[in-house]
Each structure stands twice: as structure tokens, then as C-alpha cells.
Amino acid sequence: IKSYNLGGVLLYDLEMTQDPPGKRNIESPEQLKRLTTELQKISTTPLFISVDQEGGIVNRLTPEYGFPEFQSWEQIGRKTNFEETKTFSKLVSKTLKKASINFNLAPVLDIKKKYQSAISIEGRSISSEPQNIIRHSKIFIDEHRKNRIATCGKHFPGQGSAIQDAHIETTDISETWNEYELIPY
């Protein structure tokens, strides 16, 4: 941080380059708060401290480490209850705020496809309707803003079209992508 004047860090719970994955930066709420506080002290400029906290399968702050259980974005979407989305979003953002994390790499804006894309299989897409995605995502983003946490809609231009998992292999959406996937962005 000092040597390279870094602007931010990304926290992970698991070291995915090991087989089996090993522990990384997250052990407990108390440890995480100490870590983020120390990182900010080291930096001469306030850092972006980021995490992937979508809920469901992409959930770095898990009950295993003493954090609340977070439903998947798909589970939230199935309920089509915007109050439920607000409750979920408040819980996520308050949990991040307590840990002094100020940047959440969420929400997922990918459109759920009728066929089984990688995003759909993992329960990471909230809806097949762009306007529904927009409405839920706006609630999610607004609740984070209330706690001064930046968000990042992903996966532009539309990983929801991808049959392959981009974390594992090269992903080509040129045959499956459609311009309407830009609507949530």
C-alpha cells in the first residue's frame, strides 16, 4: 500500500489458487474490522476496501465466519417483494459498514436467460425482466449509498448470456448476447 500508493484492496475469504482452497482475509467480524481499520491506517489516502457480497454463492461474509446468512439474488427475485429486497439490502450494507468495507462488487445486473447460463445456474440473476432487475437493483444501491458504500453493477456487457463460467474458461457470448441485456445498465 505504501510502496505503490494503492487505491484499494479486494478481500476474499478463500484462496482459490490452492486446491483445496485455503483461508485468506476473512476469519470473523472482529478480525475483519481490525484488518480494514489497519489497512486504512497504512494508507495516506482513504482506500476502497471491496468485497463480493451478492448473497448466495457469491458471499464472502458467511455464517461460517460469524456473519448473517444472505439469500441469493435469485431467491430475492423469486419473491417479487420490494420490501424484502430492501430488508436484504439493508442487512448486506449494514454488515459491510460494520466491517468498514466501503465498496461492494454487486449487484448482478445480468438478465436471467431461459436456457441455463452459468449465472442462472448459480442463482446470481434476479430476473428475466430488465425493468424488474432495475427496480430491485436501485433498492440495493440506494441502501448501500445510505451507508456510504459504493456498488458496482456487473457483469457488463452481459455475462448472463454465457453458458461457460468466465472464472474457469474463456467465455464467448457473441452468439447468445442480445442488445436488450444493456437495459439494466
Protein backbone atom coordinates (compact mmCIF):
# COMPACT_ATOMS: atom_id res chain seq x y z
CA ILE A 1 0.00 0.00 0.00
CA LYS A 2 2.78 2.43 0.91
CA SER A 3 5.24 1.41 -1.78
CA TYR A 4 2.82 1.55 -4.68
CA ASN A 5 0.27 4.08 -3.36
CA LEU A 6 -2.56 1.61 -3.93
CA GLY A 7 -6.09 2.98 -4.10
CA GLY A 8 -7.86 -0.12 -2.90
CA VAL A 9 -7.88 -3.75 -1.87
CA LEU A 10 -10.21 -6.65 -2.60
CA LEU A 11 -10.91 -9.06 0.24
CA TYR A 12 -11.58 -12.77 -0.24
CA ASP A 13 -12.46 -15.45 2.24
CA LEU A 14 -10.77 -18.25 0.28
CA GLU A 15 -7.50 -18.59 -1.61
CA MET A 16 -8.83 -20.01 -4.87
CA THR A 17 -5.41 -20.71 -6.38
CA GLN A 18 -4.91 -23.59 -3.95
CA ASP A 19 -6.51 -26.99 -4.23
CA PRO A 20 -8.34 -27.34 -1.93
CA PRO A 21 -8.87 -23.61 -1.36
CA GLY A 22 -7.26 -22.23 1.79
CA LYS A 23 -8.25 -19.37 4.10
CA ARG A 24 -7.45 -15.81 3.01
CA ASN A 25 -8.50 -12.47 4.58
CA ILE A 26 -11.75 -13.15 6.42
CA GLU A 27 -11.99 -15.07 9.70
CA SER A 28 -14.57 -13.28 11.89
CA PRO A 29 -16.39 -9.93 12.16
CA GLU A 30 -13.87 -8.74 14.78
CA GLN A 31 -10.82 -9.81 12.78
CA LEU A 32 -12.20 -8.27 9.60
CA LYS A 33 -12.87 -4.93 11.34
CA ARG A 34 -9.29 -4.91 12.70
CA LEU A 35 -7.93 -5.71 9.23
CA THR A 36 -9.87 -2.97 7.42
CA THR A 37 -9.00 -0.42 10.13
CA GLU A 38 -5.30 -1.27 9.89
CA LEU A 39 -5.37 -1.11 6.08
CA GLN A 40 -6.85 2.40 6.24
CA LYS A 41 -4.18 3.47 8.78
CA ILE A 42 -1.38 2.33 6.46
CA SER A 43 -2.66 4.36 3.51
CA THR A 44 -2.10 8.10 3.16
CA THR A 45 -5.31 8.32 1.07
CA PRO A 46 -8.59 6.62 2.03
CA LEU A 47 -8.70 3.18 0.42
CA PHE A 48 -11.51 1.49 -1.41
CA ILE A 49 -11.92 -1.73 0.54
CA SER A 50 -14.03 -4.03 -1.59
CA VAL A 51 -15.67 -7.42 -1.36
CA ASP A 52 -18.03 -9.55 -3.48
CA GLN A 53 -21.14 -9.66 -1.30
CA GLU A 54 -24.01 -10.54 -3.63
CA GLY A 55 -25.55 -13.15 -1.37
CA GLY A 56 -26.00 -16.82 -2.19
CA ILE A 57 -22.98 -18.48 -3.78
CA VAL A 58 -21.02 -15.20 -4.08
CA ASN A 59 -20.91 -14.34 -0.44
CA ARG A 60 -17.55 -13.69 1.22
CA LEU A 61 -19.03 -12.87 4.64
CA THR A 62 -20.69 -16.15 5.54
CA PRO A 63 -22.22 -17.67 8.68
CA GLU A 64 -19.11 -19.87 8.89
CA TYR A 65 -17.21 -16.69 9.86
CA GLY A 66 -19.94 -15.34 12.15
CA PHE A 67 -21.83 -13.17 9.65
CA PRO A 68 -25.57 -13.38 8.85
CA GLU A 69 -26.98 -15.76 6.23
CA PHE A 70 -27.58 -13.97 2.92
CA GLN A 71 -30.06 -15.29 0.36
CA SER A 72 -29.10 -15.41 -3.29
CA TRP A 73 -30.14 -12.61 -5.67
CA GLU A 74 -32.30 -15.19 -7.47
CA GLN A 75 -34.15 -16.07 -4.23
CA ILE A 76 -34.83 -12.38 -3.64
CA GLY A 77 -36.16 -12.02 -7.19
CA ARG A 78 -38.47 -15.01 -6.91
CA LYS A 79 -40.33 -13.29 -4.11
CA THR A 80 -41.01 -10.15 -6.22
CA ASN A 81 -41.40 -8.30 -2.94
CA PHE A 82 -39.60 -4.97 -2.96
CA GLU A 83 -39.80 -4.66 0.84
CA GLU A 84 -37.95 -7.99 1.06
CA THR A 85 -35.31 -6.60 -1.31
CA LYS A 86 -34.97 -3.53 0.92
CA THR A 87 -34.59 -5.68 4.06
CA PHE A 88 -31.95 -7.84 2.32
CA SER A 89 -30.11 -4.78 1.00
CA LYS A 90 -30.09 -3.10 4.42
CA LEU A 91 -28.65 -6.23 6.02
CA VAL A 92 -25.90 -6.51 3.40
CA SER A 93 -24.95 -2.83 3.58
CA LYS A 94 -25.04 -2.65 7.39
CA THR A 95 -22.87 -5.77 7.62
CA LEU A 96 -20.32 -4.18 5.28
CA LYS A 97 -20.42 -0.88 7.14
CA LYS A 98 -19.72 -2.61 10.48
CA ALA A 99 -16.69 -4.22 8.86
CA SER A 100 -15.54 -0.85 7.39
CA ILE A 101 -15.90 -2.17 3.84
CA ASN A 102 -16.83 0.69 1.53
CA PHE A 103 -17.18 -0.94 -1.90
CA ASN A 104 -19.43 -3.90 -2.75
CA LEU A 105 -18.93 -5.62 -6.09
CA ALA A 106 -22.67 -6.08 -6.53
CA PRO A 107 -25.49 -6.12 -7.63
CA VAL A 108 -25.62 -8.51 -10.57
CA LEU A 109 -27.46 -6.84 -13.46
CA ASP A 110 -27.33 -9.82 -15.82
CA ILE A 111 -30.65 -10.87 -17.29
CA LYS A 112 -31.74 -14.39 -16.45
CA LYS A 113 -31.98 -16.37 -19.67
CA LYS A 114 -34.48 -19.11 -20.44
CA TYR A 115 -31.63 -21.56 -21.02
CA GLN A 116 -29.22 -22.42 -18.25
CA SER A 117 -26.43 -19.85 -18.36
CA ALA A 118 -23.64 -20.04 -15.77
CA ILE A 119 -25.07 -17.01 -13.93
CA SER A 120 -28.56 -18.57 -13.82
CA ILE A 121 -27.31 -21.96 -12.61
CA GLU A 122 -25.52 -20.25 -9.70
CA GLY A 123 -28.63 -18.28 -8.69
CA ARG A 124 -26.95 -14.95 -9.34
CA SER A 125 -29.54 -13.38 -11.67
CA ILE A 126 -32.61 -11.80 -10.12
CA SER A 127 -34.97 -11.76 -13.12
CA SER A 128 -35.51 -12.26 -16.83
CA GLU A 129 -37.24 -8.86 -16.98
CA PRO A 130 -34.91 -5.83 -17.32
CA GLN A 131 -37.33 -3.46 -15.53
CA ASN A 132 -37.56 -5.84 -12.59
CA ILE A 133 -33.75 -6.02 -12.38
CA ILE A 134 -33.60 -2.22 -12.44
CA ARG A 135 -36.13 -1.81 -9.66
CA HIS A 136 -34.54 -4.36 -7.32
CA SER A 137 -31.03 -3.10 -8.08
CA LYS A 138 -32.00 0.51 -7.41
CA ILE A 139 -33.19 -0.51 -3.93
CA PHE A 140 -29.94 -2.42 -3.35
CA ILE A 141 -27.80 0.51 -4.50
CA ASP A 142 -29.81 3.09 -2.52
CA GLU A 143 -29.46 1.12 0.71
CA HIS A 144 -25.71 0.89 0.19
CA ARG A 145 -25.47 4.63 -0.50
CA LYS A 146 -27.22 5.34 2.81
CA ASN A 147 -24.27 3.60 4.47
CA ARG A 148 -21.71 5.33 2.21
CA ILE A 149 -20.83 2.11 0.39
CA ALA A 150 -20.11 2.22 -3.32
CA THR A 151 -21.57 -0.50 -5.54
CA CYS A 152 -20.67 -1.91 -8.93
CA GLY A 153 -23.31 -3.38 -11.22
CA LYS A 154 -21.97 -6.39 -13.03
CA HIS A 155 -21.22 -8.13 -15.49
CA PHE A 156 -21.27 -5.70 -18.40
CA PRO A 157 -21.98 -6.36 -21.28
CA GLY A 158 -23.98 -9.37 -20.16
CA GLN A 159 -22.42 -12.48 -18.67
CA GLY A 160 -25.99 -13.68 -18.22
CA SER A 161 -25.70 -14.92 -21.82
CA ALA A 162 -22.65 -17.02 -21.13
CA ILE A 163 -23.01 -20.76 -20.94
CA GLN A 164 -19.40 -21.03 -19.75
CA ASP A 165 -18.24 -19.77 -16.36
CA ALA A 166 -15.82 -16.88 -17.00
CA HIS A 167 -13.95 -17.75 -13.78
CA ILE A 168 -13.00 -21.13 -15.25
CA GLU A 169 -12.71 -20.69 -19.01
CA THR A 170 -12.81 -18.16 -21.82
CA THR A 171 -16.37 -17.02 -22.32
CA ASP A 172 -17.83 -16.16 -25.73
CA ILE A 173 -21.26 -14.52 -25.78
CA SER A 174 -21.23 -13.41 -29.42
CA GLU A 175 -23.90 -15.99 -30.40
CA THR A 176 -26.07 -15.68 -27.29
CA TRP A 177 -25.89 -11.99 -26.36
CA ASN A 178 -28.67 -9.54 -27.21
CA GLU A 179 -28.74 -5.74 -27.05
CA TYR A 180 -31.63 -5.75 -24.56
CA GLU A 181 -29.13 -7.01 -21.96
CA LEU A 182 -27.82 -3.43 -21.77
CA ILE A 183 -31.13 -2.10 -20.39
CA PRO A 184 -30.29 -2.66 -16.68
CA TYR A 185 -27.04 -0.73 -17.13
